[in-house]
PDB file of N, CA and C in Angstrom:
ATOM      1  N   MET A   1       0.832  -1.192   0.000  1.00  0.00           N
ATOM      2  CA  MET A   1       0.000   0.000   0.000  1.00  0.00           C
ATOM      3  C   MET A   1       0.873   1.250   0.000  1.00  0.00           C
ATOM      4  N   ARG A   2       1.970   1.211   0.759  1.00  0.00           N
ATOM      5  CA  ARG A   2       2.872   2.365   0.828  1.00  0.00           C
ATOM      6  C   ARG A   2       3.494   2.647  -0.547  1.00  0.00           C
ATOM      7  N   LYS A   3       3.892   1.575  -1.271  1.00  0.00           N
ATOM      8  CA  LYS A   3       4.475   1.754  -2.598  1.00  0.00           C
ATOM      9  C   LYS A   3       3.462   2.375  -3.550  1.00  0.00           C
ATOM     10  N   LEU A   4       2.218   1.970  -3.449  1.00  0.00           N
ATOM     11  CA  LEU A   4       1.171   2.528  -4.296  1.00  0.00           C
ATOM     12  C   LEU A   4       0.986   4.015  -4.002  1.00  0.00           C
ATOM     13  N   ALA A   5       0.989   4.386  -2.739  1.00  0.00           N
ATOM     14  CA  ALA A   5       0.829   5.792  -2.351  1.00  0.00           C
ATOM     15  C   ALA A   5       2.002   6.624  -2.859  1.00  0.00           C
ATOM     16  N   ILE A   6       3.210   6.100  -2.756  1.00  0.00           N
ATOM     17  CA  ILE A   6       4.396   6.818  -3.234  1.00  0.00           C
ATOM     18  C   ILE A   6       4.335   6.970  -4.752  1.00  0.00           C
ATOM     19  N   GLY A   7       3.938   5.914  -5.448  1.00  0.00           N
ATOM     20  CA  GLY A   7       3.810   5.967  -6.901  1.00  0.00           C
ATOM     21  C   GLY A   7       2.763   6.981  -7.328  1.00  0.00           C
ATOM     22  N   PHE A   8       1.647   7.006  -6.640  1.00  0.00           N
ATOM     23  CA  PHE A   8       0.582   7.958  -6.960  1.00  0.00           C
ATOM     24  C   PHE A   8       1.054   9.387  -6.714  1.00  0.00           C
ATOM     25  N   ALA A   9       1.753   9.610  -5.607  1.00  0.00           N
ATOM     26  CA  ALA A   9       2.266  10.948  -5.298  1.00  0.00           C
ATOM     27  C   ALA A   9       3.255  11.400  -6.367  1.00  0.00           C
ATOM     28  N   GLY A  10       4.086  10.495  -6.842  1.00  0.00           N
ATOM     29  CA  GLY A  10       5.035  10.829  -7.907  1.00  0.00           C
ATOM     30  C   GLY A  10       4.330  11.183  -9.196  1.00  0.00           C
ATOM     31  N   LEU A  11       3.321  10.398  -9.550  1.00  0.00           N
ATOM     32  CA  LEU A  11       2.553  10.672 -10.762  1.00  0.00           C
ATOM     33  C   LEU A  11       1.833  12.006 -10.663  1.00  0.00           C
ATOM     34  N   LEU A  12       1.237  12.270  -9.514  1.00  0.00           N
ATOM     35  CA  LEU A  12       0.541  13.529  -9.304  1.00  0.00           C
ATOM     36  C   LEU A  12       1.505  14.701  -9.423  1.00  0.00           C
ATOM     37  N   SER A  13       2.682  14.581  -8.860  1.00  0.00           N
ATOM     38  CA  SER A  13       3.687  15.640  -8.959  1.00  0.00           C
ATOM     39  C   SER A  13       4.071  15.882 -10.404  1.00  0.00           C
ATOM     40  N   PHE A  14       4.259  14.808 -11.167  1.00  0.00           N
ATOM     41  CA  PHE A  14       4.619  14.943 -12.579  1.00  0.00           C
ATOM     42  C   PHE A  14       3.540  15.684 -13.343  1.00  0.00           C
ATOM     43  N   VAL A  15       2.290  15.315 -13.128  1.00  0.00           N
ATOM     44  CA  VAL A  15       1.176  15.947 -13.836  1.00  0.00           C
ATOM     45  C   VAL A  15       1.105  17.429 -13.482  1.00  0.00           C
ATOM     46  N   LEU A  16       1.275  17.758 -12.218  1.00  0.00           N
ATOM     47  CA  LEU A  16       1.215  19.160 -11.809  1.00  0.00           C
ATOM     48  C   LEU A  16       2.363  19.962 -12.397  1.00  0.00           C
ATOM     49  N   LEU A  17       3.547  19.381 -12.451  1.00  0.00           N
ATOM     50  CA  LEU A  17       4.697  20.080 -13.013  1.00  0.00           C
ATOM     51  C   LEU A  17       4.603  20.198 -14.528  1.00  0.00           C
ATOM     52  N   ALA A  18       3.983  19.240 -15.173  1.00  0.00           N
ATOM     53  CA  ALA A  18       3.882  19.247 -16.631  1.00  0.00           C
ATOM     54  C   ALA A  18       2.874  20.273 -17.127  1.00  0.00           C
ATOM     55  N   GLY A  19       1.953  20.710 -16.286  1.00  0.00           N
ATOM     56  CA  GLY A  19       0.952  21.697 -16.697  1.00  0.00           C
ATOM     57  C   GLY A  19      -0.360  21.029 -17.032  1.00  0.00           C
ATOM     58  N   CYS A  20      -1.374  21.863 -17.214  1.00  0.00           N
ATOM     59  CA  CYS A  20      -2.708  21.315 -17.417  1.00  0.00           C
ATOM     60  C   CYS A  20      -3.043  21.078 -18.878  1.00  0.00           C
ATOM     61  N   ASN A  21      -2.212  21.490 -19.798  1.00  0.00           N
ATOM     62  CA  ASN A  21      -2.518  21.321 -21.210  1.00  0.00           C
ATOM     63  C   ASN A  21      -1.371  20.598 -21.898  1.00  0.00           C
ATOM     64  N   PRO A  22      -1.396  19.263 -21.932  1.00  0.00           N
ATOM     65  CA  PRO A  22      -0.290  18.519 -22.509  1.00  0.00           C
ATOM     66  C   PRO A  22      -0.012  18.878 -23.963  1.00  0.00           C
ATOM     67  N   GLN A  23      -1.044  19.169 -24.764  1.00  0.00           N
ATOM     68  CA  GLN A  23      -0.816  19.511 -26.164  1.00  0.00           C
ATOM     69  C   GLN A  23      -0.019  20.809 -26.258  1.00  0.00           C
ATOM     70  N   GLN A  24      -0.393  21.784 -25.459  1.00  0.00           N
ATOM     71  CA  GLN A  24       0.318  23.045 -25.477  1.00  0.00           C
ATOM     72  C   GLN A  24       1.767  22.835 -25.067  1.00  0.00           C
ATOM     73  N   GLN A  25       2.012  21.979 -24.078  1.00  0.00           N
ATOM     74  CA  GLN A  25       3.362  21.730 -23.614  1.00  0.00           C
ATOM     75  C   GLN A  25       4.214  21.076 -24.693  1.00  0.00           C
ATOM     76  N   THR A  26       3.682  20.096 -25.403  1.00  0.00           N
ATOM     77  CA  THR A  26       4.479  19.368 -26.380  1.00  0.00           C
ATOM     78  C   THR A  26       4.680  20.157 -27.659  1.00  0.00           C
ATOM     79  N   ASN A  27       3.798  21.097 -27.981  1.00  0.00           N
ATOM     80  CA  ASN A  27       3.935  21.889 -29.196  1.00  0.00           C
ATOM     81  C   ASN A  27       4.770  23.137 -28.980  1.00  0.00           C
ATOM     82  N   ARG A  28       5.100  23.436 -27.752  1.00  0.00           N
ATOM     83  CA  ARG A  28       5.796  24.675 -27.452  1.00  0.00           C
ATOM     84  C   ARG A  28       7.167  24.673 -28.098  1.00  0.00           C
ATOM     85  N   ALA A  29       7.494  25.776 -28.742  1.00  0.00           N
ATOM     86  CA  ALA A  29       8.805  25.927 -29.368  1.00  0.00           C
ATOM     87  C   ALA A  29       9.814  26.375 -28.324  1.00  0.00           C
ATOM     88  N   PRO A  30      11.080  26.121 -28.542  1.00  0.00           N
ATOM     89  CA  PRO A  30      12.095  26.612 -27.628  1.00  0.00           C
ATOM     90  C   PRO A  30      12.025  28.134 -27.532  1.00  0.00           C
ATOM     91  N   ALA A  31      12.318  28.669 -26.354  1.00  0.00           N
ATOM     92  CA  ALA A  31      12.207  30.106 -26.131  1.00  0.00           C
ATOM     93  C   ALA A  31      13.123  30.906 -27.044  1.00  0.00           C
ATOM     94  N   ASN A  32      14.210  30.317 -27.542  1.00  0.00           N
ATOM     95  CA  ASN A  32      15.138  31.055 -28.386  1.00  0.00           C
ATOM     96  C   ASN A  32      14.795  30.943 -29.868  1.00  0.00           C
ATOM     97  N   ASP A  33      13.679  30.351 -30.200  1.00  0.00           N
ATOM     98  CA  ASP A  33      13.289  30.201 -31.602  1.00  0.00           C
ATOM     99  C   ASP A  33      12.618  31.482 -32.071  1.00  0.00           C
ATOM    100  N   THR A  34      13.415  32.402 -32.616  1.00  0.00           N
ATOM    101  CA  THR A  34      12.869  33.675 -33.086  1.00  0.00           C
ATOM    102  C   THR A  34      12.423  33.612 -34.537  1.00  0.00           C
ATOM    103  N   ALA A  35      12.652  32.477 -35.199  1.00  0.00           N
ATOM    104  CA  ALA A  35      12.268  32.337 -36.596  1.00  0.00           C
ATOM    105  C   ALA A  35      10.792  32.005 -36.764  1.00  0.00           C
ATOM    106  N   MET A  36      10.093  31.696 -35.684  1.00  0.00           N
ATOM    107  CA  MET A  36       8.684  31.325 -35.786  1.00  0.00           C
ATOM    108  C   MET A  36       7.833  32.503 -36.242  1.00  0.00           C
ATOM    109  N   GLU A  37       6.843  32.193 -37.031  1.00  0.00           N
ATOM    110  CA  GLU A  37       5.866  33.189 -37.454  1.00  0.00           C
ATOM    111  C   GLU A  37       4.908  33.467 -36.288  1.00  0.00           C
ATOM    112  N   PRO A  38       4.353  34.685 -36.211  1.00  0.00           N
ATOM    113  CA  PRO A  38       3.442  35.021 -35.114  1.00  0.00           C
ATOM    114  C   PRO A  38       2.251  34.068 -34.995  1.00  0.00           C
ATOM    115  N   LYS A  39       1.693  33.648 -36.124  1.00  0.00           N
ATOM    116  CA  LYS A  39       0.550  32.724 -36.089  1.00  0.00           C
ATOM    117  C   LYS A  39       0.954  31.403 -35.436  1.00  0.00           C
ATOM    118  N   ASP A  40       2.185  30.942 -35.690  1.00  0.00           N
ATOM    119  CA  ASP A  40       2.664  29.702 -35.075  1.00  0.00           C
ATOM    120  C   ASP A  40       2.880  29.873 -33.575  1.00  0.00           C
ATOM    121  N   ILE A  41       3.401  31.029 -33.183  1.00  0.00           N
ATOM    122  CA  ILE A  41       3.570  31.317 -31.748  1.00  0.00           C
ATOM    123  C   ILE A  41       2.205  31.285 -31.081  1.00  0.00           C
ATOM    124  N   TYR A  42       1.224  31.921 -31.722  1.00  0.00           N
ATOM    125  CA  TYR A  42      -0.145  31.929 -31.201  1.00  0.00           C
ATOM    126  C   TYR A  42      -0.689  30.508 -31.096  1.00  0.00           C
ATOM    127  N   THR A  43      -0.568  29.736 -32.159  1.00  0.00           N
ATOM    128  CA  THR A  43      -1.094  28.373 -32.178  1.00  0.00           C
ATOM    129  C   THR A  43      -0.484  27.532 -31.062  1.00  0.00           C
ATOM    130  N   ASN A  44       0.805  27.662 -30.856  1.00  0.00           N
ATOM    131  CA  ASN A  44       1.506  26.846 -29.868  1.00  0.00           C
ATOM    132  C   ASN A  44       1.299  27.287 -28.433  1.00  0.00           C
ATOM    133  N   ASN A  45       0.891  28.528 -28.221  1.00  0.00           N
ATOM    134  CA  ASN A  45       0.840  29.043 -26.856  1.00  0.00           C
ATOM    135  C   ASN A  45      -0.494  29.631 -26.419  1.00  0.00           C
ATOM    136  N   CYS A  46      -1.343  30.003 -27.363  1.00  0.00           N
ATOM    137  CA  CYS A  46      -2.545  30.758 -27.022  1.00  0.00           C
ATOM    138  C   CYS A  46      -3.852  30.106 -27.466  1.00  0.00           C
ATOM    139  N   ALA A  47      -3.790  29.349 -28.558  1.00  0.00           N
ATOM    140  CA  ALA A  47      -5.010  28.839 -29.186  1.00  0.00           C
ATOM    141  C   ALA A  47      -5.811  27.918 -28.279  1.00  0.00           C
ATOM    142  N   SER A  48      -5.160  27.221 -27.367  1.00  0.00           N
ATOM    143  CA  SER A  48      -5.917  26.302 -26.514  1.00  0.00           C
ATOM    144  C   SER A  48      -6.915  27.042 -25.625  1.00  0.00           C
ATOM    145  N   CYS A  49      -6.662  28.301 -25.327  1.00  0.00           N
ATOM    146  CA  CYS A  49      -7.607  29.090 -24.525  1.00  0.00           C
ATOM    147  C   CYS A  49      -8.378  30.126 -25.343  1.00  0.00           C
ATOM    148  N   HIS A  50      -7.734  30.684 -26.368  1.00  0.00           N
ATOM    149  CA  HIS A  50      -8.361  31.757 -27.132  1.00  0.00           C
ATOM    150  C   HIS A  50      -8.921  31.302 -28.478  1.00  0.00           C
ATOM    151  N   GLY A  51      -8.836  30.006 -28.766  1.00  0.00           N
ATOM    152  CA  GLY A  51      -9.404  29.452 -29.991  1.00  0.00           C
ATOM    153  C   GLY A  51      -8.443  29.518 -31.159  1.00  0.00           C
ATOM    154  N   GLY A  52      -8.540  28.550 -32.041  1.00  0.00           N
ATOM    155  CA  GLY A  52      -7.663  28.449 -33.192  1.00  0.00           C
ATOM    156  C   GLY A  52      -7.783  29.597 -34.164  1.00  0.00           C
ATOM    157  N   ASN A  53      -8.927  30.266 -34.173  1.00  0.00           N
ATOM    158  CA  ASN A  53      -9.163  31.395 -35.085  1.00  0.00           C
ATOM    159  C   ASN A  53      -9.409  32.692 -34.325  1.00  0.00           C
ATOM    160  N   LEU A  54      -8.845  32.783 -33.124  1.00  0.00           N
ATOM    161  CA  LEU A  54      -8.985  33.974 -32.269  1.00  0.00           C
ATOM    162  C   LEU A  54     -10.402  34.156 -31.732  1.00  0.00           C
ATOM    163  N   GLN A  55     -11.283  33.195 -31.949  1.00  0.00           N
ATOM    164  CA  GLN A  55     -12.701  33.348 -31.645  1.00  0.00           C
ATOM    165  C   GLN A  55     -13.028  33.284 -30.157  1.00  0.00           C
ATOM    166  N   GLY A  56     -12.095  32.869 -29.346  1.00  0.00           N
ATOM    167  CA  GLY A  56     -12.352  32.729 -27.922  1.00  0.00           C
ATOM    168  C   GLY A  56     -12.808  31.329 -27.586  1.00  0.00           C
ATOM    169  N   SER A  57     -12.564  30.934 -26.363  1.00  0.00           N
ATOM    170  CA  SER A  57     -12.963  29.623 -25.844  1.00  0.00           C
ATOM    171  C   SER A  57     -12.993  29.762 -24.338  1.00  0.00           C
ATOM    172  N   ILE A  58     -12.011  29.227 -23.671  1.00  0.00           N
ATOM    173  CA  ILE A  58     -11.873  29.447 -22.222  1.00  0.00           C
ATOM    174  C   ILE A  58     -11.537  30.914 -21.985  1.00  0.00           C
ATOM    175  N   GLY A  59     -10.653  31.443 -22.821  1.00  0.00           N
ATOM    176  CA  GLY A  59     -10.273  32.853 -22.770  1.00  0.00           C
ATOM    177  C   GLY A  59     -11.116  33.653 -23.743  1.00  0.00           C
ATOM    178  N   PRO A  60     -11.056  34.970 -23.650  1.00  0.00           N
ATOM    179  CA  PRO A  60     -11.890  35.811 -24.522  1.00  0.00           C
ATOM    180  C   PRO A  60     -11.433  35.799 -25.974  1.00  0.00           C
ATOM    181  N   SER A  61     -12.316  36.230 -26.840  1.00  0.00           N
ATOM    182  CA  SER A  61     -12.004  36.390 -28.260  1.00  0.00           C
ATOM    183  C   SER A  61     -10.913  37.443 -28.421  1.00  0.00           C
ATOM    184  N   LEU A  62     -10.021  37.184 -29.363  1.00  0.00           N
ATOM    185  CA  LEU A  62      -8.978  38.153 -29.702  1.00  0.00           C
ATOM    186  C   LEU A  62      -9.137  38.647 -31.135  1.00  0.00           C
ATOM    187  N   GLU A  63     -10.293  38.388 -31.730  1.00  0.00           N
ATOM    188  CA  GLU A  63     -10.535  38.726 -33.135  1.00  0.00           C
ATOM    189  C   GLU A  63     -10.319  40.208 -33.432  1.00  0.00           C
ATOM    190  N   LYS A  64     -10.672  41.090 -32.528  1.00  0.00           N
ATOM    191  CA  LYS A  64     -10.547  42.535 -32.765  1.00  0.00           C
ATOM    192  C   LYS A  64      -9.761  43.194 -31.643  1.00  0.00           C
ATOM    193  N   ILE A  65      -8.824  42.448 -31.071  1.00  0.00           N
ATOM    194  CA  ILE A  65      -8.071  42.943 -29.918  1.00  0.00           C
ATOM    195  C   ILE A  65      -7.259  44.187 -30.258  1.00  0.00           C
ATOM    196  N   GLY A  66      -6.769  44.300 -31.501  1.00  0.00           N
ATOM    197  CA  GLY A  66      -5.981  45.462 -31.907  1.00  0.00           C
ATOM    198  C   GLY A  66      -6.772  46.759 -31.920  1.00  0.00           C
ATOM    199  N   GLY A  67      -8.090  46.667 -31.986  1.00  0.00           N
ATOM    200  CA  GLY A  67      -8.939  47.846 -31.915  1.00  0.00           C
ATOM    201  C   GLY A  67      -9.184  48.296 -30.482  1.00  0.00           C
ATOM    202  N   LYS A  68      -8.795  47.465 -29.528  1.00  0.00           N
ATOM    203  CA  LYS A  68      -9.022  47.769 -28.114  1.00  0.00           C
ATOM    204  C   LYS A  68      -7.728  48.064 -27.363  1.00  0.00           C
ATOM    205  N   LEU A  69      -6.659  47.353 -27.730  1.00  0.00           N
ATOM    206  CA  LEU A  69      -5.390  47.479 -27.012  1.00  0.00           C
ATOM    207  C   LEU A  69      -4.247  47.752 -27.982  1.00  0.00           C
ATOM    208  N   SER A  70      -3.247  48.484 -27.500  1.00  0.00           N
ATOM    209  CA  SER A  70      -2.054  48.755 -28.308  1.00  0.00           C
ATOM    210  C   SER A  70      -1.119  47.539 -28.272  1.00  0.00           C
ATOM    211  N   LYS A  71      -0.131  47.553 -29.144  1.00  0.00           N
ATOM    212  CA  LYS A  71       0.877  46.492 -29.166  1.00  0.00           C
ATOM    213  C   LYS A  71       1.556  46.383 -27.800  1.00  0.00           C
ATOM    214  N   GLU A  72       1.879  47.510 -27.198  1.00  0.00           N
ATOM    215  CA  GLU A  72       2.552  47.519 -25.904  1.00  0.00           C
ATOM    216  C   GLU A  72       1.662  46.923 -24.807  1.00  0.00           C
ATOM    217  N   GLU A  73       0.380  47.264 -24.835  1.00  0.00           N
ATOM    218  CA  GLU A  73      -0.553  46.719 -23.841  1.00  0.00           C
ATOM    219  C   GLU A  73      -0.707  45.208 -24.010  1.00  0.00           C
ATOM    220  N   ILE A  74      -0.770  44.757 -25.254  1.00  0.00           N
ATOM    221  CA  ILE A  74      -0.879  43.316 -25.521  1.00  0.00           C
ATOM    222  C   ILE A  74       0.374  42.600 -25.056  1.00  0.00           C
ATOM    223  N   ALA A  75       1.554  43.161 -25.362  1.00  0.00           N
ATOM    224  CA  ALA A  75       2.816  42.556 -24.929  1.00  0.00           C
ATOM    225  C   ALA A  75       2.880  42.462 -23.403  1.00  0.00           C
ATOM    226  N   ASN A  76       2.397  43.488 -22.715  1.00  0.00           N
ATOM    227  CA  ASN A  76       2.381  43.484 -21.258  1.00  0.00           C
ATOM    228  C   ASN A  76       1.483  42.379 -20.714  1.00  0.00           C
ATOM    229  N   ILE A  77       0.330  42.187 -21.319  1.00  0.00           N
ATOM    230  CA  ILE A  77      -0.584  41.123 -20.880  1.00  0.00           C
ATOM    231  C   ILE A  77       0.026  39.756 -21.135  1.00  0.00           C
ATOM    232  N   ILE A  78       0.669  39.586 -22.282  1.00  0.00           N
ATOM    233  CA  ILE A  78       1.313  38.301 -22.575  1.00  0.00           C
ATOM    234  C   ILE A  78       2.380  38.014 -21.519  1.00  0.00           C
ATOM    235  N   ALA A  79       3.175  39.011 -21.188  1.00  0.00           N
ATOM    236  CA  ALA A  79       4.273  38.820 -20.238  1.00  0.00           C
ATOM    237  C   ALA A  79       3.792  38.639 -18.801  1.00  0.00           C
ATOM    238  N   ASN A  80       2.812  39.422 -18.393  1.00  0.00           N
ATOM    239  CA  ASN A  80       2.429  39.475 -16.982  1.00  0.00           C
ATOM    240  C   ASN A  80       1.075  38.872 -16.654  1.00  0.00           C
ATOM    241  N   GLY A  81       0.273  38.601 -17.683  1.00  0.00           N
ATOM    242  CA  GLY A  81      -1.060  38.060 -17.459  1.00  0.00           C
ATOM    243  C   GLY A  81      -2.039  39.150 -17.063  1.00  0.00           C
ATOM    244  N   THR A  82      -3.287  38.751 -16.978  1.00  0.00           N
ATOM    245  CA  THR A  82      -4.362  39.639 -16.533  1.00  0.00           C
ATOM    246  C   THR A  82      -5.545  38.781 -16.112  1.00  0.00           C
ATOM    247  N   GLY A  83      -6.257  39.198 -15.107  1.00  0.00           N
ATOM    248  CA  GLY A  83      -7.390  38.402 -14.630  1.00  0.00           C
ATOM    249  C   GLY A  83      -6.968  36.981 -14.319  1.00  0.00           C
ATOM    250  N   SER A  84      -7.647  36.012 -14.913  1.00  0.00           N
ATOM    251  CA  SER A  84      -7.316  34.604 -14.656  1.00  0.00           C
ATOM    252  C   SER A  84      -6.228  34.080 -15.597  1.00  0.00           C
ATOM    253  N   MET A  85      -5.758  34.907 -16.540  1.00  0.00           N
ATOM    254  CA  MET A  85      -4.698  34.482 -17.454  1.00  0.00           C
ATOM    255  C   MET A  85      -3.342  34.727 -16.801  1.00  0.00           C
ATOM    256  N   PRO A  86      -2.533  33.673 -16.668  1.00  0.00           N
ATOM    257  CA  PRO A  86      -1.188  33.872 -16.112  1.00  0.00           C
ATOM    258  C   PRO A  86      -0.247  34.446 -17.170  1.00  0.00           C
ATOM    259  N   GLY A  87       0.848  35.040 -16.728  1.00  0.00           N
ATOM    260  CA  GLY A  87       1.883  35.481 -17.648  1.00  0.00           C
ATOM    261  C   GLY A  87       2.427  34.285 -18.418  1.00  0.00           C
ATOM    262  N   GLN A  88       2.730  34.495 -19.669  1.00  0.00           N
ATOM    263  CA  GLN A  88       3.207  33.413 -20.541  1.00  0.00           C
ATOM    264  C   GLN A  88       4.733  33.453 -20.594  1.00  0.00           C
ATOM    265  N   THR A  89       5.357  33.006 -19.527  1.00  0.00           N
ATOM    266  CA  THR A  89       6.806  33.101 -19.374  1.00  0.00           C
ATOM    267  C   THR A  89       7.573  32.196 -20.334  1.00  0.00           C
ATOM    268  N   GLN A  90       6.902  31.245 -20.944  1.00  0.00           N
ATOM    269  CA  GLN A  90       7.563  30.363 -21.905  1.00  0.00           C
ATOM    270  C   GLN A  90       7.807  31.056 -23.242  1.00  0.00           C
ATOM    271  N   ILE A  91       7.175  32.202 -23.451  1.00  0.00           N
ATOM    272  CA  ILE A  91       7.335  32.948 -24.696  1.00  0.00           C
ATOM    273  C   ILE A  91       8.485  33.938 -24.506  1.00  0.00           C
ATOM    274  N   SER A  92       9.487  33.859 -25.378  1.00  0.00           N
ATOM    275  CA  SER A  92      10.642  34.753 -25.274  1.00  0.00           C
ATOM    276  C   SER A  92      10.226  36.192 -25.562  1.00  0.00           C
ATOM    277  N   ALA A  93      11.070  37.136 -25.194  1.00  0.00           N
ATOM    278  CA  ALA A  93      10.787  38.553 -25.439  1.00  0.00           C
ATOM    279  C   ALA A  93      10.630  38.821 -26.937  1.00  0.00           C
ATOM    280  N   GLN A  94      11.472  38.185 -27.761  1.00  0.00           N
ATOM    281  CA  GLN A  94      11.375  38.388 -29.204  1.00  0.00           C
ATOM    282  C   GLN A  94      10.073  37.828 -29.755  1.00  0.00           C
ATOM    283  N   GLN A  95       9.694  36.643 -29.305  1.00  0.00           N
ATOM    284  CA  GLN A  95       8.427  36.054 -29.742  1.00  0.00           C
ATOM    285  C   GLN A  95       7.252  36.882 -29.252  1.00  0.00           C
ATOM    286  N   ARG A  96       7.341  37.383 -28.023  1.00  0.00           N
ATOM    287  CA  ARG A  96       6.265  38.201 -27.460  1.00  0.00           C
ATOM    288  C   ARG A  96       6.054  39.453 -28.307  1.00  0.00           C
ATOM    289  N   GLU A  97       7.128  40.088 -28.736  1.00  0.00           N
ATOM    290  CA  GLU A  97       7.015  41.290 -29.577  1.00  0.00           C
ATOM    291  C   GLU A  97       6.363  40.968 -30.914  1.00  0.00           C
ATOM    292  N   LYS A  98       6.777  39.860 -31.526  1.00  0.00           N
ATOM    293  CA  LYS A  98       6.161  39.436 -32.803  1.00  0.00           C
ATOM    294  C   LYS A  98       4.676  39.158 -32.621  1.00  0.00           C
ATOM    295  N   LEU A  99       4.357  38.418 -31.572  1.00  0.00           N
ATOM    296  CA  LEU A  99       2.967  38.042 -31.311  1.00  0.00           C
ATOM    297  C   LEU A  99       2.126  39.281 -31.011  1.00  0.00           C
ATOM    298  N   ALA A 100       2.639  40.181 -30.185  1.00  0.00           N
ATOM    299  CA  ALA A 100       1.895  41.391 -29.839  1.00  0.00           C
ATOM    300  C   ALA A 100       1.649  42.259 -31.069  1.00  0.00           C
ATOM    301  N   ALA A 101       2.647  42.379 -31.935  1.00  0.00           N
ATOM    302  CA  ALA A 101       2.479  43.171 -33.159  1.00  0.00           C
ATOM    303  C   ALA A 101       1.404  42.550 -34.053  1.00  0.00           C
ATOM    304  N   TRP A 102       1.422  41.237 -34.174  1.00  0.00           N
ATOM    305  CA  TRP A 102       0.431  40.531 -35.001  1.00  0.00           C
ATOM    306  C   TRP A 102      -0.968  40.689 -34.414  1.00  0.00           C
ATOM    307  N   LEU A 103      -1.089  40.505 -33.115  1.00  0.00           N
ATOM    308  CA  LEU A 103      -2.400  40.654 -32.473  1.00  0.00           C
ATOM    309  C   LEU A 103      -2.909  42.096 -32.570  1.00  0.00           C
ATOM    310  N   ALA A 104      -2.007  43.068 -32.491  1.00  0.00           N
ATOM    311  CA  ALA A 104      -2.405  44.483 -32.589  1.00  0.00           C
ATOM    312  C   ALA A 104      -2.977  44.806 -33.964  1.00  0.00           C
ATOM    313  N   GLU A 105      -2.633  44.008 -34.967  1.00  0.00           N
ATOM    314  CA  GLU A 105      -3.176  44.185 -36.330  1.00  0.00           C
ATOM    315  C   GLU A 105      -4.586  43.614 -36.472  1.00  0.00           C
ATOM    316  N   GLN A 106      -5.038  42.849 -35.501  1.00  0.00           N
ATOM    317  CA  GLN A 106      -6.361  42.217 -35.558  1.00  0.00           C
ATOM    318  C   GLN A 106      -7.402  43.234 -35.140  1.00  0.00           C
ATOM    319  N   LYS A 107      -8.059  43.840 -36.142  1.00  0.00           N
ATOM    320  CA  LYS A 107      -9.027  44.913 -35.850  1.00  0.00           C
ATOM    321  C   LYS A 107     -10.342  44.660 -36.547  1.00  0.00           C
TER     322      LYS A 107
END
């Protein structure tokens, strides 16, 4: 029984450390990959909550986010989070700038 409890605790720790979205974790590009296109950065890091076409899902729609927020405001939200969205620390500063510029064009 003790071995089972230890095994379960180990598995639980692994799941918690791996994050709640395994697809997002496995598709994530290395932080130093600056060659990625903004749409790919979005797909790998944002689409699971904001929808594949910016339409919203768990998170709000980003279809017209550029009409509401500036590139700088979007970059700040990506870096630091807002409301229930945590900061996306897995996204490098260069990727964040590309993504924020692309999202700011969505009007």
